[in-house]
Amino acid sequence: MNSKYVALITAIFFISCYTGYIWAEENYEVARDYFEKFFSELSFIRDLPSYAIFAIIFLNNSVKAFLAMISGFLFGIIPILFIFINGYVIGMIVYVKGVELGFDRTLIMLIPHGITEISAIIIACSYGVWLGISLYDRIRGGEVDLGLCLRKAVRTYIKVVIPLLLISAFIETYITPLISALLI
């Protein structure tokens, strides 16, 4: 895989974060109401034991990252949409929670687990785009070994993405609540 795919996915992520942030700024009430409803539907998770929360976060992120990567065979469209939507939602969350809690507090609560989680998702989506480009090259007559490409992507998923998502889920489950309690 080439680093240009990582750069592309990273750029899309940051552009979509900015876009989501601006949209939430211009439509604050709509964004706030959406997140209030969304978070209230997930409120049952707060009552679960920490290990169950950890498992839910890890499994959710792992499955989504894997599906985003593998769906790259659809010419890279799904991983690009996936990273765009995630960035957009994060931008909206930063604005809405920033208004409620303060932007510094919001970022302090998001950044510790966000660094590893977003890195993992960017890597998975980059491999997804790479798989899509590889398929396109193969269709155009290139000598691309799609099986080898898939094995490389899955190997990276197992060796890099999964460990990053484990670290992220641990931080989000056990560290972020401590940070939140100190800040609020």
C-alpha atoms as a PDB file:
ATOM      1  CA  MET A   1       0.000   0.000   0.000  1.00  0.00           C
ATOM      2  CA  ASN A   2       1.150   3.505  -0.730  1.00  0.00           C
ATOM      3  CA  SER A   3       1.234   6.375   1.774  1.00  0.00           C
ATOM      4  CA  LYS A   4      -0.757   8.505  -0.679  1.00  0.00           C
ATOM      5  CA  TYR A   5      -3.877   6.549   0.332  1.00  0.00           C
ATOM      6  CA  VAL A   6      -3.235   7.354   3.994  1.00  0.00           C
ATOM      7  CA  ALA A   7      -2.776  11.019   3.067  1.00  0.00           C
ATOM      8  CA  LEU A   8      -5.995  10.992   1.003  1.00  0.00           C
ATOM      9  CA  ILE A   9      -8.070   9.371   3.757  1.00  0.00           C
ATOM     10  CA  THR A  10      -6.556  11.655   6.407  1.00  0.00           C
ATOM     11  CA  ALA A  11      -7.373  14.721   4.310  1.00  0.00           C
ATOM     12  CA  ILE A  12     -10.946  13.523   3.777  1.00  0.00           C
ATOM     13  CA  PHE A  13     -11.269  12.915   7.514  1.00  0.00           C
ATOM     14  CA  PHE A  14     -10.122  16.417   8.497  1.00  0.00           C
ATOM     15  CA  ILE A  15     -12.178  18.102   5.779  1.00  0.00           C
ATOM     16  CA  SER A  16     -15.261  16.207   6.918  1.00  0.00           C
ATOM     17  CA  CYS A  17     -14.566  17.098  10.583  1.00  0.00           C
ATOM     18  CA  TYR A  18     -14.437  20.740   9.607  1.00  0.00           C
ATOM     19  CA  THR A  19     -17.594  20.401   7.501  1.00  0.00           C
ATOM     20  CA  GLY A  20     -19.486  18.720  10.351  1.00  0.00           C
ATOM     21  CA  TYR A  21     -18.276  21.351  12.793  1.00  0.00           C
ATOM     22  CA  ILE A  22     -19.430  24.204  10.540  1.00  0.00           C
ATOM     23  CA  TRP A  23     -22.780  22.521   9.901  1.00  0.00           C
ATOM     24  CA  ALA A  24     -23.359  22.068  13.644  1.00  0.00           C
ATOM     25  CA  GLU A  25     -22.368  25.681  14.250  1.00  0.00           C
ATOM     26  CA  GLU A  26     -24.948  26.850  11.700  1.00  0.00           C
ATOM     27  CA  ASN A  27     -27.610  24.357  12.817  1.00  0.00           C
ATOM     28  CA  TYR A  28     -26.857  24.058  16.516  1.00  0.00           C
ATOM     29  CA  GLU A  29     -30.359  23.189  17.736  1.00  0.00           C
ATOM     30  CA  VAL A  30     -30.827  20.464  15.134  1.00  0.00           C
ATOM     31  CA  ALA A  31     -27.396  18.979  15.884  1.00  0.00           C
ATOM     32  CA  ARG A  32     -27.929  19.193  19.659  1.00  0.00           C
ATOM     33  CA  ASP A  33     -31.353  17.516  19.404  1.00  0.00           C
ATOM     34  CA  TYR A  34     -29.907  14.769  17.197  1.00  0.00           C
ATOM     35  CA  PHE A  35     -27.131  13.985  19.683  1.00  0.00           C
ATOM     36  CA  GLU A  36     -29.436  14.180  22.690  1.00  0.00           C
ATOM     37  CA  LYS A  37     -31.679  11.587  21.054  1.00  0.00           C
ATOM     38  CA  PHE A  38     -28.725   9.475  19.893  1.00  0.00           C
ATOM     39  CA  PHE A  39     -27.002   9.478  23.297  1.00  0.00           C
ATOM     40  CA  SER A  40     -30.269   8.827  25.143  1.00  0.00           C
ATOM     41  CA  GLU A  41     -30.812   5.713  23.024  1.00  0.00           C
ATOM     42  CA  LEU A  42     -27.373   4.502  24.085  1.00  0.00           C
ATOM     43  CA  SER A  43     -27.820   5.415  27.750  1.00  0.00           C
ATOM     44  CA  PHE A  44     -28.321   1.747  28.681  1.00  0.00           C
ATOM     45  CA  ILE A  45     -24.613   1.238  28.023  1.00  0.00           C
ATOM     46  CA  ARG A  46     -23.706   3.411  31.036  1.00  0.00           C
ATOM     47  CA  ASP A  47     -25.336   0.842  33.329  1.00  0.00           C
ATOM     48  CA  LEU A  48     -23.251  -2.039  31.993  1.00  0.00           C
ATOM     49  CA  PRO A  49     -20.097  -3.254  33.707  1.00  0.00           C
ATOM     50  CA  SER A  50     -16.885  -1.735  32.372  1.00  0.00           C
ATOM     51  CA  TYR A  51     -15.737  -4.954  30.700  1.00  0.00           C
ATOM     52  CA  ALA A  52     -19.012  -5.087  28.716  1.00  0.00           C
ATOM     53  CA  ILE A  53     -18.617  -1.456  27.636  1.00  0.00           C
ATOM     54  CA  PHE A  54     -15.051  -2.236  26.597  1.00  0.00           C
ATOM     55  CA  ALA A  55     -16.240  -5.250  24.575  1.00  0.00           C
ATOM     56  CA  ILE A  56     -19.034  -3.277  22.872  1.00  0.00           C
ATOM     57  CA  ILE A  57     -16.702  -0.426  21.907  1.00  0.00           C
ATOM     58  CA  PHE A  58     -13.983  -2.770  20.680  1.00  0.00           C
ATOM     59  CA  LEU A  59     -16.308  -5.070  18.719  1.00  0.00           C
ATOM     60  CA  ASN A  60     -18.249  -2.174  17.184  1.00  0.00           C
ATOM     61  CA  ASN A  61     -15.104  -0.414  16.001  1.00  0.00           C
ATOM     62  CA  SER A  62     -13.388  -3.619  14.876  1.00  0.00           C
ATOM     63  CA  VAL A  63     -16.306  -4.836  12.796  1.00  0.00           C
ATOM     64  CA  LYS A  64     -16.871  -1.439  11.209  1.00  0.00           C
ATOM     65  CA  ALA A  65     -13.160  -0.993  10.422  1.00  0.00           C
ATOM     66  CA  PHE A  66     -12.983  -4.459   8.868  1.00  0.00           C
ATOM     67  CA  LEU A  67     -16.112  -3.947   6.794  1.00  0.00           C
ATOM     68  CA  ALA A  68     -14.894  -0.527   5.635  1.00  0.00           C
ATOM     69  CA  MET A  69     -11.598  -2.092   4.584  1.00  0.00           C
ATOM     70  CA  ILE A  70     -13.056  -5.127   2.794  1.00  0.00           C
ATOM     71  CA  SER A  71     -15.778  -3.089   1.101  1.00  0.00           C
ATOM     72  CA  GLY A  72     -12.966  -1.224  -0.593  1.00  0.00           C
ATOM     73  CA  PHE A  73     -13.263  -3.807  -3.334  1.00  0.00           C
ATOM     74  CA  LEU A  74     -16.241  -1.731  -4.426  1.00  0.00           C
ATOM     75  CA  PHE A  75     -13.702   0.653  -5.995  1.00  0.00           C
ATOM     76  CA  GLY A  76     -12.882   2.351  -2.681  1.00  0.00           C
ATOM     77  CA  ILE A  77     -16.202   4.160  -2.423  1.00  0.00           C
ATOM     78  CA  ILE A  78     -17.396   2.710   0.900  1.00  0.00           C
ATOM     79  CA  PRO A  79     -14.182   3.440   2.868  1.00  0.00           C
ATOM     80  CA  ILE A  80     -14.239   7.029   1.602  1.00  0.00           C
ATOM     81  CA  LEU A  81     -17.888   7.447   2.614  1.00  0.00           C
ATOM     82  CA  PHE A  82     -17.204   5.747   5.951  1.00  0.00           C
ATOM     83  CA  ILE A  83     -14.327   8.074   6.851  1.00  0.00           C
ATOM     84  CA  PHE A  84     -16.268  11.112   5.639  1.00  0.00           C
ATOM     85  CA  ILE A  85     -19.325  10.274   7.735  1.00  0.00           C
ATOM     86  CA  ASN A  86     -17.204   9.536  10.814  1.00  0.00           C
ATOM     87  CA  GLY A  87     -15.295  12.796  10.456  1.00  0.00           C
ATOM     88  CA  TYR A  88     -18.505  14.746   9.897  1.00  0.00           C
ATOM     89  CA  VAL A  89     -20.088  13.290  13.037  1.00  0.00           C
ATOM     90  CA  ILE A  90     -16.945  13.966  15.081  1.00  0.00           C
ATOM     91  CA  GLY A  91     -16.957  17.571  13.886  1.00  0.00           C
ATOM     92  CA  MET A  92     -20.596  17.895  14.932  1.00  0.00           C
ATOM     93  CA  ILE A  93     -19.880  16.335  18.326  1.00  0.00           C
ATOM     94  CA  VAL A  94     -16.945  18.662  18.921  1.00  0.00           C
ATOM     95  CA  TYR A  95     -19.115  21.695  18.247  1.00  0.00           C
ATOM     96  CA  VAL A  96     -22.187  20.558  20.205  1.00  0.00           C
ATOM     97  CA  LYS A  97     -20.245  19.260  23.204  1.00  0.00           C
ATOM     98  CA  GLY A  98     -17.868  22.202  22.944  1.00  0.00           C
ATOM     99  CA  VAL A  99     -20.773  24.606  23.415  1.00  0.00           C
ATOM    100  CA  GLU A 100     -22.050  22.548  26.368  1.00  0.00           C
ATOM    101  CA  LEU A 101     -18.789  21.696  28.135  1.00  0.00           C
ATOM    102  CA  GLY A 102     -16.218  24.003  26.621  1.00  0.00           C
ATOM    103  CA  PHE A 103     -14.060  23.199  23.627  1.00  0.00           C
ATOM    104  CA  ASP A 104     -10.930  22.527  25.646  1.00  0.00           C
ATOM    105  CA  ARG A 105     -12.726  19.988  27.864  1.00  0.00           C
ATOM    106  CA  THR A 106     -14.374  18.335  24.884  1.00  0.00           C
ATOM    107  CA  LEU A 107     -11.075  17.916  23.070  1.00  0.00           C
ATOM    108  CA  ILE A 108      -9.319  16.648  26.197  1.00  0.00           C
ATOM    109  CA  MET A 109     -11.994  13.952  26.520  1.00  0.00           C
ATOM    110  CA  LEU A 110     -11.847  12.975  22.828  1.00  0.00           C
ATOM    111  CA  ILE A 111      -8.155  13.144  21.997  1.00  0.00           C
ATOM    112  CA  PRO A 112      -6.748  10.360  24.234  1.00  0.00           C
ATOM    113  CA  HIS A 113      -8.793   7.558  22.675  1.00  0.00           C
ATOM    114  CA  GLY A 114      -9.325   9.423  19.418  1.00  0.00           C
ATOM    115  CA  ILE A 115      -5.645   9.321  18.468  1.00  0.00           C
ATOM    116  CA  THR A 116      -5.521   5.529  18.369  1.00  0.00           C
ATOM    117  CA  GLU A 117      -9.093   4.991  17.192  1.00  0.00           C
ATOM    118  CA  ILE A 118      -8.932   7.468  14.323  1.00  0.00           C
ATOM    119  CA  SER A 119      -5.485   6.186  13.325  1.00  0.00           C
ATOM    120  CA  ALA A 120      -6.858   2.648  13.156  1.00  0.00           C
ATOM    121  CA  ILE A 121      -9.859   3.715  11.096  1.00  0.00           C
ATOM    122  CA  ILE A 122      -7.673   5.760   8.737  1.00  0.00           C
ATOM    123  CA  ILE A 123      -5.383   2.762   8.205  1.00  0.00           C
ATOM    124  CA  ALA A 124      -8.321   0.414   7.574  1.00  0.00           C
ATOM    125  CA  CYS A 125      -9.987   2.831   5.156  1.00  0.00           C
ATOM    126  CA  SER A 126      -6.670   3.487   3.391  1.00  0.00           C
ATOM    127  CA  TYR A 127      -6.296  -0.216   2.780  1.00  0.00           C
ATOM    128  CA  GLY A 128      -9.894  -0.270   1.569  1.00  0.00           C
ATOM    129  CA  VAL A 129      -9.149   2.415  -1.026  1.00  0.00           C
ATOM    130  CA  TRP A 130      -5.965   0.574  -1.983  1.00  0.00           C
ATOM    131  CA  LEU A 131      -7.964  -2.647  -2.494  1.00  0.00           C
ATOM    132  CA  GLY A 132     -10.432  -0.747  -4.681  1.00  0.00           C
ATOM    133  CA  ILE A 133      -7.646   0.772  -6.799  1.00  0.00           C
ATOM    134  CA  SER A 134      -5.984  -2.642  -7.043  1.00  0.00           C
ATOM    135  CA  LEU A 135      -9.206  -4.177  -8.340  1.00  0.00           C
ATOM    136  CA  TYR A 136      -9.598  -1.341 -10.826  1.00  0.00           C
ATOM    137  CA  ASP A 137      -6.004  -1.849 -12.015  1.00  0.00           C
ATOM    138  CA  ARG A 138      -6.663  -5.581 -12.392  1.00  0.00           C
ATOM    139  CA  ILE A 139      -9.837  -4.941 -14.421  1.00  0.00           C
ATOM    140  CA  ARG A 140      -7.859  -2.634 -16.701  1.00  0.00           C
ATOM    141  CA  GLY A 141      -5.448  -5.478 -17.429  1.00  0.00           C
ATOM    142  CA  GLY A 142      -2.801  -4.895 -14.789  1.00  0.00           C
ATOM    143  CA  GLU A 143      -0.985  -7.801 -13.239  1.00  0.00           C
ATOM    144  CA  VAL A 144      -2.307  -7.283  -9.743  1.00  0.00           C
ATOM    145  CA  ASP A 145      -2.523 -10.264  -7.397  1.00  0.00           C
ATOM    146  CA  LEU A 146      -5.772  -9.461  -5.579  1.00  0.00           C
ATOM    147  CA  GLY A 147      -5.299 -12.402  -3.214  1.00  0.00           C
ATOM    148  CA  LEU A 148      -1.928 -11.026  -2.166  1.00  0.00           C
ATOM    149  CA  CYS A 149      -3.438  -7.550  -1.733  1.00  0.00           C
ATOM    150  CA  LEU A 150      -6.232  -8.937   0.423  1.00  0.00           C
ATOM    151  CA  ARG A 151      -3.802 -10.959   2.564  1.00  0.00           C
ATOM    152  CA  LYS A 152      -1.639  -7.873   3.089  1.00  0.00           C
ATOM    153  CA  ALA A 153      -4.665  -5.798   4.085  1.00  0.00           C
ATOM    154  CA  VAL A 154      -5.959  -8.451   6.504  1.00  0.00           C
ATOM    155  CA  ARG A 155      -2.481  -8.954   7.977  1.00  0.00           C
ATOM    156  CA  THR A 156      -2.215  -5.210   8.632  1.00  0.00           C
ATOM    157  CA  TYR A 157      -5.712  -5.216  10.081  1.00  0.00           C
ATOM    158  CA  ILE A 158      -4.734  -7.965  12.528  1.00  0.00           C
ATOM    159  CA  LYS A 159      -1.267  -6.629  13.397  1.00  0.00           C
ATOM    160  CA  VAL A 160      -1.963  -2.883  13.453  1.00  0.00           C
ATOM    161  CA  VAL A 161      -5.659  -1.984  13.402  1.00  0.00           C
ATOM    162  CA  ILE A 162      -6.846  -4.489  16.036  1.00  0.00           C
ATOM    163  CA  PRO A 163      -4.159  -3.525  18.591  1.00  0.00           C
ATOM    164  CA  LEU A 164      -4.888   0.188  18.056  1.00  0.00           C
ATOM    165  CA  LEU A 165      -8.607  -0.451  18.540  1.00  0.00           C
ATOM    166  CA  LEU A 166      -7.925  -2.481  21.705  1.00  0.00           C
ATOM    167  CA  ILE A 167      -5.877   0.391  23.131  1.00  0.00           C
ATOM    168  CA  SER A 168      -8.557   2.860  22.091  1.00  0.00           C
ATOM    169  CA  ALA A 169     -11.378   0.851  23.676  1.00  0.00           C
ATOM    170  CA  PHE A 170      -9.356   0.540  26.885  1.00  0.00           C
ATOM    171  CA  ILE A 171      -8.722   4.291  27.019  1.00  0.00           C
ATOM    172  CA  GLU A 172     -12.335   5.135  26.152  1.00  0.00           C
ATOM    173  CA  THR A 173     -13.694   2.731  28.779  1.00  0.00           C
ATOM    174  CA  TYR A 174     -11.304   3.249  31.665  1.00  0.00           C
ATOM    175  CA  ILE A 175      -9.351   6.499  31.155  1.00  0.00           C
ATOM    176  CA  THR A 176     -11.830   8.872  29.487  1.00  0.00           C
ATOM    177  CA  PRO A 177     -14.382   8.577  32.330  1.00  0.00           C
ATOM    178  CA  LEU A 178     -11.629   9.524  34.801  1.00  0.00           C
ATOM    179  CA  ILE A 179     -10.649  12.513  32.682  1.00  0.00           C
ATOM    180  CA  SER A 180     -14.312  13.460  32.331  1.00  0.00           C
ATOM    181  CA  ALA A 181     -14.872  13.260  36.082  1.00  0.00           C
ATOM    182  CA  LEU A 182     -11.887  15.530  36.702  1.00  0.00           C
ATOM    183  CA  LEU A 183     -13.016  18.092  34.137  1.00  0.00           C
ATOM    184  CA  ILE A 184     -16.744  18.321  34.785  1.00  0.00           C
END
